[in-house]
mmCIF file of all heavy atoms, coordinates in Angstrom:
data_MODEL
# 
_entry.id   MODEL 
# 
loop_
_atom_site.group_PDB 
_atom_site.id 
_atom_site.type_symbol 
_atom_site.label_atom_id 
_atom_site.label_alt_id 
_atom_site.label_comp_id 
_atom_site.label_asym_id 
_atom_site.label_entity_id 
_atom_site.label_seq_id 
_atom_site.pdbx_PDB_ins_code 
_atom_site.Cartn_x 
_atom_site.Cartn_y 
_atom_site.Cartn_z 
_atom_site.occupancy 
_atom_site.B_iso_or_equiv 
_atom_site.pdbx_formal_charge 
_atom_site.auth_seq_id 
_atom_site.auth_comp_id 
_atom_site.auth_asym_id 
_atom_site.auth_atom_id 
_atom_site.pdbx_PDB_model_num 
ATOM 1   N N   . TYR A 1 1  ? 219.275 19.192  103.071 1.00 0.00 ? 1  TYR A N   1 
ATOM 2   C CA  . TYR A 1 1  ? 218.687 18.336  103.878 1.00 0.00 ? 1  TYR A CA  1 
ATOM 3   C C   . TYR A 1 1  ? 219.477 16.922  103.841 1.00 0.00 ? 1  TYR A C   1 
ATOM 4   O O   . TYR A 1 1  ? 220.312 16.730  102.965 1.00 0.00 ? 1  TYR A O   1 
ATOM 5   C CB  . TYR A 1 1  ? 217.225 18.068  103.478 1.00 0.00 ? 1  TYR A CB  1 
ATOM 6   C CG  . TYR A 1 1  ? 216.250 19.111  103.903 1.00 0.00 ? 1  TYR A CG  1 
ATOM 7   C CD1 . TYR A 1 1  ? 215.621 20.001  102.975 1.00 0.00 ? 1  TYR A CD1 1 
ATOM 8   C CD2 . TYR A 1 1  ? 216.048 19.407  105.345 1.00 0.00 ? 1  TYR A CD2 1 
ATOM 9   C CE1 . TYR A 1 1  ? 214.752 20.900  103.430 1.00 0.00 ? 1  TYR A CE1 1 
ATOM 10  C CE2 . TYR A 1 1  ? 215.191 20.424  105.704 1.00 0.00 ? 1  TYR A CE2 1 
ATOM 11  C CZ  . TYR A 1 1  ? 214.579 21.148  104.739 1.00 0.00 ? 1  TYR A CZ  1 
ATOM 12  O OH  . TYR A 1 1  ? 213.770 22.230  105.159 1.00 0.00 ? 1  TYR A OH  1 
ATOM 13  N N   . GLY A 1 2  ? 219.133 16.044  104.790 1.00 0.00 ? 2  GLY A N   1 
ATOM 14  C CA  . GLY A 1 2  ? 219.811 14.718  104.839 1.00 0.00 ? 2  GLY A CA  1 
ATOM 15  C C   . GLY A 1 2  ? 219.329 13.741  103.824 1.00 0.00 ? 2  GLY A C   1 
ATOM 16  O O   . GLY A 1 2  ? 219.241 12.536  104.127 1.00 0.00 ? 2  GLY A O   1 
ATOM 17  N N   . TYR A 1 3  ? 219.111 14.201  102.563 1.00 0.00 ? 3  TYR A N   1 
ATOM 18  C CA  . TYR A 1 3  ? 218.703 13.243  101.492 1.00 0.00 ? 3  TYR A CA  1 
ATOM 19  C C   . TYR A 1 3  ? 219.618 12.080  101.313 1.00 0.00 ? 3  TYR A C   1 
ATOM 20  O O   . TYR A 1 3  ? 219.197 11.015  100.804 1.00 0.00 ? 3  TYR A O   1 
ATOM 21  C CB  . TYR A 1 3  ? 218.509 14.008  100.256 1.00 0.00 ? 3  TYR A CB  1 
ATOM 22  C CG  . TYR A 1 3  ? 219.795 14.470  99.589  1.00 0.00 ? 3  TYR A CG  1 
ATOM 23  C CD1 . TYR A 1 3  ? 220.492 13.685  98.708  1.00 0.00 ? 3  TYR A CD1 1 
ATOM 24  C CD2 . TYR A 1 3  ? 220.373 15.691  99.984  1.00 0.00 ? 3  TYR A CD2 1 
ATOM 25  C CE1 . TYR A 1 3  ? 221.748 14.063  98.185  1.00 0.00 ? 3  TYR A CE1 1 
ATOM 26  C CE2 . TYR A 1 3  ? 221.600 16.066  99.484  1.00 0.00 ? 3  TYR A CE2 1 
ATOM 27  C CZ  . TYR A 1 3  ? 222.295 15.233  98.537  1.00 0.00 ? 3  TYR A CZ  1 
ATOM 28  O OH  . TYR A 1 3  ? 223.460 15.625  98.115  1.00 0.00 ? 3  TYR A OH  1 
ATOM 29  N N   . HIS A 1 4  ? 220.897 12.299  101.529 1.00 0.00 ? 4  HIS A N   1 
ATOM 30  C CA  . HIS A 1 4  ? 221.957 11.297  101.282 1.00 0.00 ? 4  HIS A CA  1 
ATOM 31  C C   . HIS A 1 4  ? 221.942 10.193  102.345 1.00 0.00 ? 4  HIS A C   1 
ATOM 32  O O   . HIS A 1 4  ? 222.595 9.128   102.126 1.00 0.00 ? 4  HIS A O   1 
ATOM 33  C CB  . HIS A 1 4  ? 223.271 11.966  101.205 1.00 0.00 ? 4  HIS A CB  1 
ATOM 34  C CG  . HIS A 1 4  ? 223.531 12.947  102.244 1.00 0.00 ? 4  HIS A CG  1 
ATOM 35  N ND1 . HIS A 1 4  ? 223.599 12.631  103.631 1.00 0.00 ? 4  HIS A ND1 1 
ATOM 36  C CD2 . HIS A 1 4  ? 223.660 14.315  102.143 1.00 0.00 ? 4  HIS A CD2 1 
ATOM 37  C CE1 . HIS A 1 4  ? 223.851 13.721  104.276 1.00 0.00 ? 4  HIS A CE1 1 
ATOM 38  N NE2 . HIS A 1 4  ? 223.852 14.718  103.493 1.00 0.00 ? 4  HIS A NE2 1 
ATOM 39  N N   . GLY A 1 5  ? 221.357 10.458  103.492 1.00 0.00 ? 5  GLY A N   1 
ATOM 40  C CA  . GLY A 1 5  ? 221.257 9.430   104.551 1.00 0.00 ? 5  GLY A CA  1 
ATOM 41  C C   . GLY A 1 5  ? 222.355 9.388   105.573 1.00 0.00 ? 5  GLY A C   1 
ATOM 42  O O   . GLY A 1 5  ? 222.276 8.532   106.511 1.00 0.00 ? 5  GLY A O   1 
ATOM 43  N N   . TYR A 1 6  ? 223.364 10.251  105.450 1.00 0.00 ? 6  TYR A N   1 
ATOM 44  C CA  . TYR A 1 6  ? 224.487 10.187  106.396 1.00 0.00 ? 6  TYR A CA  1 
ATOM 45  C C   . TYR A 1 6  ? 224.300 11.080  107.662 1.00 0.00 ? 6  TYR A C   1 
ATOM 46  O O   . TYR A 1 6  ? 225.298 11.286  108.345 1.00 0.00 ? 6  TYR A O   1 
ATOM 47  C CB  . TYR A 1 6  ? 225.780 10.551  105.646 1.00 0.00 ? 6  TYR A CB  1 
ATOM 48  C CG  . TYR A 1 6  ? 226.090 9.482   104.559 1.00 0.00 ? 6  TYR A CG  1 
ATOM 49  C CD1 . TYR A 1 6  ? 225.760 9.657   103.271 1.00 0.00 ? 6  TYR A CD1 1 
ATOM 50  C CD2 . TYR A 1 6  ? 226.696 8.306   104.989 1.00 0.00 ? 6  TYR A CD2 1 
ATOM 51  C CE1 . TYR A 1 6  ? 226.038 8.662   102.316 1.00 0.00 ? 6  TYR A CE1 1 
ATOM 52  C CE2 . TYR A 1 6  ? 227.079 7.292   103.995 1.00 0.00 ? 6  TYR A CE2 1 
ATOM 53  C CZ  . TYR A 1 6  ? 226.607 7.501   102.773 1.00 0.00 ? 6  TYR A CZ  1 
ATOM 54  O OH  . TYR A 1 6  ? 226.980 6.484   101.793 1.00 0.00 ? 6  TYR A OH  1 
ATOM 55  N N   . TRP A 1 7  ? 223.154 11.682  107.850 1.00 0.00 ? 7  TRP A N   1 
ATOM 56  C CA  . TRP A 1 7  ? 222.933 12.619  108.963 1.00 0.00 ? 7  TRP A CA  1 
ATOM 57  C C   . TRP A 1 7  ? 221.904 11.923  109.833 1.00 0.00 ? 7  TRP A C   1 
ATOM 58  O O   . TRP A 1 7  ? 220.703 12.482  109.955 1.00 0.00 ? 7  TRP A O   1 
ATOM 59  C CB  . TRP A 1 7  ? 222.515 14.019  108.513 1.00 0.00 ? 7  TRP A CB  1 
ATOM 60  C CG  . TRP A 1 7  ? 223.606 14.723  107.697 1.00 0.00 ? 7  TRP A CG  1 
ATOM 61  C CD1 . TRP A 1 7  ? 224.940 14.402  107.756 1.00 0.00 ? 7  TRP A CD1 1 
ATOM 62  C CD2 . TRP A 1 7  ? 223.518 15.941  107.037 1.00 0.00 ? 7  TRP A CD2 1 
ATOM 63  N NE1 . TRP A 1 7  ? 225.641 15.325  106.975 1.00 0.00 ? 7  TRP A NE1 1 
ATOM 64  C CE2 . TRP A 1 7  ? 224.769 16.244  106.549 1.00 0.00 ? 7  TRP A CE2 1 
ATOM 65  C CE3 . TRP A 1 7  ? 222.451 16.775  106.671 1.00 0.00 ? 7  TRP A CE3 1 
ATOM 66  C CZ2 . TRP A 1 7  ? 225.075 17.442  105.827 1.00 0.00 ? 7  TRP A CZ2 1 
ATOM 67  C CZ3 . TRP A 1 7  ? 222.649 17.897  105.937 1.00 0.00 ? 7  TRP A CZ3 1 
ATOM 68  C CH2 . TRP A 1 7  ? 223.967 18.214  105.488 1.00 0.00 ? 7  TRP A CH2 1 
ATOM 69  N N   . ALA A 1 8  ? 222.246 10.998  110.651 1.00 0.00 ? 8  ALA A N   1 
ATOM 70  C CA  . ALA A 1 8  ? 221.291 10.231  111.382 1.00 0.00 ? 8  ALA A CA  1 
ATOM 71  C C   . ALA A 1 8  ? 220.759 11.088  112.589 1.00 0.00 ? 8  ALA A C   1 
ATOM 72  O O   . ALA A 1 8  ? 221.496 11.792  113.252 1.00 0.00 ? 8  ALA A O   1 
ATOM 73  C CB  . ALA A 1 8  ? 221.917 8.962   111.971 1.00 0.00 ? 8  ALA A CB  1 
ATOM 74  N N   . LYS A 1 9  ? 219.442 10.870  112.826 1.00 0.00 ? 9  LYS A N   1 
ATOM 75  C CA  . LYS A 1 9  ? 218.787 11.426  113.999 1.00 0.00 ? 9  LYS A CA  1 
ATOM 76  C C   . LYS A 1 9  ? 218.422 10.262  114.918 1.00 0.00 ? 9  LYS A C   1 
ATOM 77  O O   . LYS A 1 9  ? 218.390 10.413  116.147 1.00 0.00 ? 9  LYS A O   1 
ATOM 78  C CB  . LYS A 1 9  ? 217.611 12.230  113.598 1.00 0.00 ? 9  LYS A CB  1 
ATOM 79  C CG  . LYS A 1 9  ? 216.726 12.862  114.718 1.00 0.00 ? 9  LYS A CG  1 
ATOM 80  C CD  . LYS A 1 9  ? 215.518 13.532  114.207 1.00 0.00 ? 9  LYS A CD  1 
ATOM 81  C CE  . LYS A 1 9  ? 214.769 14.261  115.327 1.00 0.00 ? 9  LYS A CE  1 
ATOM 82  N NZ  . LYS A 1 9  ? 215.532 15.464  115.866 1.00 0.00 ? 9  LYS A NZ  1 
ATOM 83  N N   . ASP A 1 10 ? 217.922 9.125   114.273 1.00 0.00 ? 10 ASP A N   1 
ATOM 84  C CA  . ASP A 1 10 ? 217.410 8.028   115.073 1.00 0.00 ? 10 ASP A CA  1 
ATOM 85  C C   . ASP A 1 10 ? 217.857 6.738   114.284 1.00 0.00 ? 10 ASP A C   1 
ATOM 86  O O   . ASP A 1 10 ? 217.191 6.471   113.244 1.00 0.00 ? 10 ASP A O   1 
ATOM 87  C CB  . ASP A 1 10 ? 215.956 8.057   115.308 1.00 0.00 ? 10 ASP A CB  1 
ATOM 88  C CG  . ASP A 1 10 ? 215.487 6.971   116.183 1.00 0.00 ? 10 ASP A CG  1 
ATOM 89  O OD1 . ASP A 1 10 ? 216.209 5.983   116.500 1.00 0.00 ? 10 ASP A OD1 1 
ATOM 90  O OD2 . ASP A 1 10 ? 214.264 7.042   116.544 1.00 0.00 ? 10 ASP A OD2 1 
ATOM 91  N N   . TRP A 1 11 ? 218.797 5.986   114.777 1.00 0.00 ? 11 TRP A N   1 
ATOM 92  C CA  . TRP A 1 11 ? 219.299 4.732   114.093 1.00 0.00 ? 11 TRP A CA  1 
ATOM 93  C C   . TRP A 1 11 ? 218.241 3.673   114.149 1.00 0.00 ? 11 TRP A C   1 
ATOM 94  O O   . TRP A 1 11 ? 218.252 2.724   113.320 1.00 0.00 ? 11 TRP A O   1 
ATOM 95  C CB  . TRP A 1 11 ? 220.528 4.190   114.719 1.00 0.00 ? 11 TRP A CB  1 
ATOM 96  C CG  . TRP A 1 11 ? 221.829 4.826   114.250 1.00 0.00 ? 11 TRP A CG  1 
ATOM 97  C CD1 . TRP A 1 11 ? 222.602 4.368   113.218 1.00 0.00 ? 11 TRP A CD1 1 
ATOM 98  C CD2 . TRP A 1 11 ? 222.505 6.005   114.787 1.00 0.00 ? 11 TRP A CD2 1 
ATOM 99  N NE1 . TRP A 1 11 ? 223.699 5.180   113.040 1.00 0.00 ? 11 TRP A NE1 1 
ATOM 100 C CE2 . TRP A 1 11 ? 223.613 6.176   114.024 1.00 0.00 ? 11 TRP A CE2 1 
ATOM 101 C CE3 . TRP A 1 11 ? 222.119 6.889   115.751 1.00 0.00 ? 11 TRP A CE3 1 
ATOM 102 C CZ2 . TRP A 1 11 ? 224.591 7.195   114.222 1.00 0.00 ? 11 TRP A CZ2 1 
ATOM 103 C CZ3 . TRP A 1 11 ? 223.082 7.990   115.984 1.00 0.00 ? 11 TRP A CZ3 1 
ATOM 104 C CH2 . TRP A 1 11 ? 224.193 8.080   115.250 1.00 0.00 ? 11 TRP A CH2 1 
ATOM 105 N N   . THR A 1 12 ? 217.190 3.773   114.971 1.00 0.00 ? 12 THR A N   1 
ATOM 106 C CA  . THR A 1 12 ? 216.289 2.632   115.057 1.00 0.00 ? 12 THR A CA  1 
ATOM 107 C C   . THR A 1 12 ? 214.992 2.818   114.241 1.00 0.00 ? 12 THR A C   1 
ATOM 108 O O   . THR A 1 12 ? 214.171 1.937   114.131 1.00 0.00 ? 12 THR A O   1 
ATOM 109 C CB  . THR A 1 12 ? 215.686 2.556   116.609 1.00 0.00 ? 12 THR A CB  1 
ATOM 110 O OG1 . THR A 1 12 ? 214.857 3.727   116.898 1.00 0.00 ? 12 THR A OG1 1 
ATOM 111 C CG2 . THR A 1 12 ? 216.842 2.495   117.547 1.00 0.00 ? 12 THR A CG2 1 
ATOM 112 N N   . SER A 1 13 ? 214.881 3.962   113.512 1.00 0.00 ? 13 SER A N   1 
ATOM 113 C CA  . SER A 1 13 ? 213.765 4.162   112.631 1.00 0.00 ? 13 SER A CA  1 
ATOM 114 C C   . SER A 1 13 ? 214.235 4.389   111.186 1.00 0.00 ? 13 SER A C   1 
ATOM 115 O O   . SER A 1 13 ? 215.278 4.888   110.982 1.00 0.00 ? 13 SER A O   1 
ATOM 116 C CB  . SER A 1 13 ? 213.053 5.489   113.083 1.00 0.00 ? 13 SER A CB  1 
ATOM 117 O OG  . SER A 1 13 ? 212.479 5.363   114.388 1.00 0.00 ? 13 SER A OG  1 
ATOM 118 N N   . LEU A 1 14 ? 213.375 4.118   110.280 1.00 0.00 ? 14 LEU A N   1 
ATOM 119 C CA  . LEU A 1 14 ? 213.617 4.413   108.927 1.00 0.00 ? 14 LEU A CA  1 
ATOM 120 C C   . LEU A 1 14 ? 213.069 5.816   108.640 1.00 0.00 ? 14 LEU A C   1 
ATOM 121 O O   . LEU A 1 14 ? 212.011 6.202   109.157 1.00 0.00 ? 14 LEU A O   1 
ATOM 122 C CB  . LEU A 1 14 ? 212.985 3.436   107.928 1.00 0.00 ? 14 LEU A CB  1 
ATOM 123 C CG  . LEU A 1 14 ? 213.818 2.303   107.413 1.00 0.00 ? 14 LEU A CG  1 
ATOM 124 C CD1 . LEU A 1 14 ? 214.293 1.463   108.634 1.00 0.00 ? 14 LEU A CD1 1 
ATOM 125 C CD2 . LEU A 1 14 ? 213.110 1.360   106.432 1.00 0.00 ? 14 LEU A CD2 1 
ATOM 126 N N   . ASP A 1 15 ? 213.733 6.575   107.786 1.00 0.00 ? 15 ASP A N   1 
ATOM 127 C CA  . ASP A 1 15 ? 213.223 7.862   107.410 1.00 0.00 ? 15 ASP A CA  1 
ATOM 128 C C   . ASP A 1 15 ? 212.007 7.662   106.516 1.00 0.00 ? 15 ASP A C   1 
ATOM 129 O O   . ASP A 1 15 ? 212.042 6.972   105.471 1.00 0.00 ? 15 ASP A O   1 
ATOM 130 C CB  . ASP A 1 15 ? 214.241 8.668   106.707 1.00 0.00 ? 15 ASP A CB  1 
ATOM 131 C CG  . ASP A 1 15 ? 213.866 10.141  106.712 1.00 0.00 ? 15 ASP A CG  1 
ATOM 132 O OD1 . ASP A 1 15 ? 212.956 10.542  105.882 1.00 0.00 ? 15 ASP A OD1 1 
ATOM 133 O OD2 . ASP A 1 15 ? 214.536 10.952  107.404 1.00 0.00 ? 15 ASP A OD2 1 
ATOM 134 N N   . PRO A 1 16 ? 210.810 8.248   106.801 1.00 0.00 ? 16 PRO A N   1 
ATOM 135 C CA  . PRO A 1 16 ? 209.724 8.075   105.999 1.00 0.00 ? 16 PRO A CA  1 
ATOM 136 C C   . PRO A 1 16 ? 209.777 8.587   104.475 1.00 0.00 ? 16 PRO A C   1 
ATOM 137 O O   . PRO A 1 16 ? 209.087 8.084   103.599 1.00 0.00 ? 16 PRO A O   1 
ATOM 138 C CB  . PRO A 1 16 ? 208.536 8.817   106.724 1.00 0.00 ? 16 PRO A CB  1 
ATOM 139 C CG  . PRO A 1 16 ? 209.304 9.768   107.592 1.00 0.00 ? 16 PRO A CG  1 
ATOM 140 C CD  . PRO A 1 16 ? 210.537 9.099   107.945 1.00 0.00 ? 16 PRO A CD  1 
ATOM 141 N N   . ASN A 1 17 ? 210.780 9.450   104.265 1.00 0.00 ? 17 ASN A N   1 
ATOM 142 C CA  . ASN A 1 17 ? 211.028 9.801   102.828 1.00 0.00 ? 17 ASN A CA  1 
ATOM 143 C C   . ASN A 1 17 ? 211.557 8.614   101.999 1.00 0.00 ? 17 ASN A C   1 
ATOM 144 O O   . ASN A 1 17 ? 211.325 8.454   100.836 1.00 0.00 ? 17 ASN A O   1 
ATOM 145 C CB  . ASN A 1 17 ? 212.101 10.907  102.787 1.00 0.00 ? 17 ASN A CB  1 
ATOM 146 C CG  . ASN A 1 17 ? 211.509 12.246  102.801 1.00 0.00 ? 17 ASN A CG  1 
ATOM 147 O OD1 . ASN A 1 17 ? 211.053 12.682  103.854 1.00 0.00 ? 17 ASN A OD1 1 
ATOM 148 N ND2 . ASN A 1 17 ? 211.403 12.956  101.724 1.00 0.00 ? 17 ASN A ND2 1 
ATOM 149 N N   . PHE A 1 18 ? 212.227 7.680   102.720 1.00 0.00 ? 18 PHE A N   1 
ATOM 150 C CA  . PHE A 1 18 ? 212.660 6.510   102.052 1.00 0.00 ? 18 PHE A CA  1 
ATOM 151 C C   . PHE A 1 18 ? 211.667 5.380   102.059 1.00 0.00 ? 18 PHE A C   1 
ATOM 152 O O   . PHE A 1 18 ? 211.593 4.514   101.191 1.00 0.00 ? 18 PHE A O   1 
ATOM 153 C CB  . PHE A 1 18 ? 214.010 5.985   102.607 1.00 0.00 ? 18 PHE A CB  1 
ATOM 154 C CG  . PHE A 1 18 ? 215.090 7.007   102.743 1.00 0.00 ? 18 PHE A CG  1 
ATOM 155 C CD1 . PHE A 1 18 ? 215.833 7.163   103.841 1.00 0.00 ? 18 PHE A CD1 1 
ATOM 156 C CD2 . PHE A 1 18 ? 215.346 7.803   101.635 1.00 0.00 ? 18 PHE A CD2 1 
ATOM 157 C CE1 . PHE A 1 18 ? 216.825 8.213   103.896 1.00 0.00 ? 18 PHE A CE1 1 
ATOM 158 C CE2 . PHE A 1 18 ? 216.403 8.763   101.618 1.00 0.00 ? 18 PHE A CE2 1 
ATOM 159 C CZ  . PHE A 1 18 ? 217.110 8.937   102.789 1.00 0.00 ? 18 PHE A CZ  1 
ATOM 160 N N   . GLY A 1 19 ? 210.853 5.330   103.073 1.00 0.00 ? 19 GLY A N   1 
ATOM 161 C CA  . GLY A 1 19 ? 209.833 4.250   103.152 1.00 0.00 ? 19 GLY A CA  1 
ATOM 162 C C   . GLY A 1 19 ? 209.644 3.673   104.627 1.00 0.00 ? 19 GLY A C   1 
ATOM 163 O O   . GLY A 1 19 ? 210.143 4.276   105.549 1.00 0.00 ? 19 GLY A O   1 
ATOM 164 N N   . THR A 1 20 ? 209.032 2.560   104.746 1.00 0.00 ? 20 THR A N   1 
ATOM 165 C CA  . THR A 1 20 ? 208.764 1.937   105.925 1.00 0.00 ? 20 THR A CA  1 
ATOM 166 C C   . THR A 1 20 ? 209.647 0.662   106.171 1.00 0.00 ? 20 THR A C   1 
ATOM 167 O O   . THR A 1 20 ? 210.239 0.201   105.194 1.00 0.00 ? 20 THR A O   1 
ATOM 168 C CB  . THR A 1 20 ? 207.382 1.572   106.087 1.00 0.00 ? 20 THR A CB  1 
ATOM 169 O OG1 . THR A 1 20 ? 206.995 0.505   105.076 1.00 0.00 ? 20 THR A OG1 1 
ATOM 170 C CG2 . THR A 1 20 ? 206.477 2.751   105.770 1.00 0.00 ? 20 THR A CG2 1 
ATOM 171 N N   . LYS A 1 21 ? 209.570 0.031   107.371 1.00 0.00 ? 21 LYS A N   1 
ATOM 172 C CA  . LYS A 1 21 ? 210.259 -1.179  107.529 1.00 0.00 ? 21 LYS A CA  1 
ATOM 173 C C   . LYS A 1 21 ? 209.606 -2.226  106.759 1.00 0.00 ? 21 LYS A C   1 
ATOM 174 O O   . LYS A 1 21 ? 210.348 -3.172  106.298 1.00 0.00 ? 21 LYS A O   1 
ATOM 175 C CB  . LYS A 1 21 ? 210.256 -1.509  109.022 1.00 0.00 ? 21 LYS A CB  1 
ATOM 176 C CG  . LYS A 1 21 ? 211.142 -0.612  109.807 1.00 0.00 ? 21 LYS A CG  1 
ATOM 177 C CD  . LYS A 1 21 ? 211.358 -1.152  111.259 1.00 0.00 ? 21 LYS A CD  1 
ATOM 178 C CE  . LYS A 1 21 ? 212.383 -0.322  112.016 1.00 0.00 ? 21 LYS A CE  1 
ATOM 179 N NZ  . LYS A 1 21 ? 212.660 -0.771  113.421 1.00 0.00 ? 21 LYS A NZ  1 
ATOM 180 N N   . ALA A 1 22 ? 208.367 -2.166  106.501 1.00 0.00 ? 22 ALA A N   1 
ATOM 181 C CA  . ALA A 1 22 ? 207.719 -3.181  105.599 1.00 0.00 ? 22 ALA A CA  1 
ATOM 182 C C   . ALA A 1 22 ? 208.275 -3.058  104.153 1.00 0.00 ? 22 ALA A C   1 
ATOM 183 O O   . ALA A 1 22 ? 208.468 -4.025  103.512 1.00 0.00 ? 22 ALA A O   1 
ATOM 184 C CB  . ALA A 1 22 ? 206.202 -2.963  105.565 1.00 0.00 ? 22 ALA A CB  1 
ATOM 185 N N   . ASP A 1 23 ? 208.548 -1.836  103.715 1.00 0.00 ? 23 ASP A N   1 
ATOM 186 C CA  . ASP A 1 23 ? 209.103 -1.571  102.447 1.00 0.00 ? 23 ASP A CA  1 
ATOM 187 C C   . ASP A 1 23 ? 210.553 -2.168  102.323 1.00 0.00 ? 23 ASP A C   1 
ATOM 188 O O   . ASP A 1 23 ? 210.887 -2.800  101.349 1.00 0.00 ? 23 ASP A O   1 
ATOM 189 C CB  . ASP A 1 23 ? 209.273 -0.099  102.138 1.00 0.00 ? 23 ASP A CB  1 
ATOM 190 C CG  . ASP A 1 23 ? 207.871 0.606   101.949 1.00 0.00 ? 23 ASP A CG  1 
ATOM 191 O OD1 . ASP A 1 23 ? 206.925 -0.145  101.696 1.00 0.00 ? 23 ASP A OD1 1 
ATOM 192 O OD2 . ASP A 1 23 ? 207.806 1.748   102.129 1.00 0.00 ? 23 ASP A OD2 1 
ATOM 193 N N   . LEU A 1 24 ? 211.337 -2.020  103.420 1.00 0.00 ? 24 LEU A N   1 
ATOM 194 C CA  . LEU A 1 24 ? 212.661 -2.607  103.494 1.00 0.00 ? 24 LEU A CA  1 
ATOM 195 C C   . LEU A 1 24 ? 212.616 -4.121  103.372 1.00 0.00 ? 24 LEU A C   1 
ATOM 196 O O   . LEU A 1 24 ? 213.354 -4.726  102.712 1.00 0.00 ? 24 LEU A O   1 
ATOM 197 C CB  . LEU A 1 24 ? 213.406 -2.125  104.687 1.00 0.00 ? 24 LEU A CB  1 
ATOM 198 C CG  . LEU A 1 24 ? 214.894 -2.643  104.861 1.00 0.00 ? 24 LEU A CG  1 
ATOM 199 C CD1 . LEU A 1 24 ? 215.661 -2.261  103.677 1.00 0.00 ? 24 LEU A CD1 1 
ATOM 200 C CD2 . LEU A 1 24 ? 215.523 -2.133  106.140 1.00 0.00 ? 24 LEU A CD2 1 
ATOM 201 N N   . LYS A 1 25 ? 211.677 -4.645  104.189 1.00 0.00 ? 25 LYS A N   1 
ATOM 202 C CA  . LYS A 1 25 ? 211.554 -6.107  104.223 1.00 0.00 ? 25 LYS A CA  1 
ATOM 203 C C   . LYS A 1 25 ? 211.184 -6.664  102.813 1.00 0.00 ? 25 LYS A C   1 
ATOM 204 O O   . LYS A 1 25 ? 211.685 -7.627  102.343 1.00 0.00 ? 25 LYS A O   1 
ATOM 205 C CB  . LYS A 1 25 ? 210.438 -6.537  105.162 1.00 0.00 ? 25 LYS A CB  1 
ATOM 206 C CG  . LYS A 1 25 ? 210.141 -8.027  105.343 1.00 0.00 ? 25 LYS A CG  1 
ATOM 207 C CD  . LYS A 1 25 ? 209.062 -8.311  106.448 1.00 0.00 ? 25 LYS A CD  1 
ATOM 208 C CE  . LYS A 1 25 ? 208.840 -9.846  106.614 1.00 0.00 ? 25 LYS A CE  1 
ATOM 209 N NZ  . LYS A 1 25 ? 208.197 -10.344 105.424 1.00 0.00 ? 25 LYS A NZ  1 
ATOM 210 N N   . ASN A 1 26 ? 210.190 -5.971  102.166 1.00 0.00 ? 26 ASN A N   1 
ATOM 211 C CA  . ASN A 1 26 ? 209.847 -6.396  100.737 1.00 0.00 ? 26 ASN A CA  1 
ATOM 212 C C   . ASN A 1 26 ? 211.035 -6.324  99.828  1.00 0.00 ? 26 ASN A C   1 
ATOM 213 O O   . ASN A 1 26 ? 211.210 -7.133  98.933  1.00 0.00 ? 26 ASN A O   1 
ATOM 214 C CB  . ASN A 1 26 ? 208.697 -5.520  100.269 1.00 0.00 ? 26 ASN A CB  1 
ATOM 215 C CG  . ASN A 1 26 ? 207.455 -5.800  101.070 1.00 0.00 ? 26 ASN A CG  1 
ATOM 216 O OD1 . ASN A 1 26 ? 207.251 -6.855  101.647 1.00 0.00 ? 26 ASN A OD1 1 
ATOM 217 N ND2 . ASN A 1 26 ? 206.458 -4.894  101.027 1.00 0.00 ? 26 ASN A ND2 1 
# 
């Protein structure tokens, strides 16, 4: 699976496995 992050499906969204945009902001 794309656990490493280099297999983009949608550049505008964060993958929920990593978290949310609120998580990135924090």
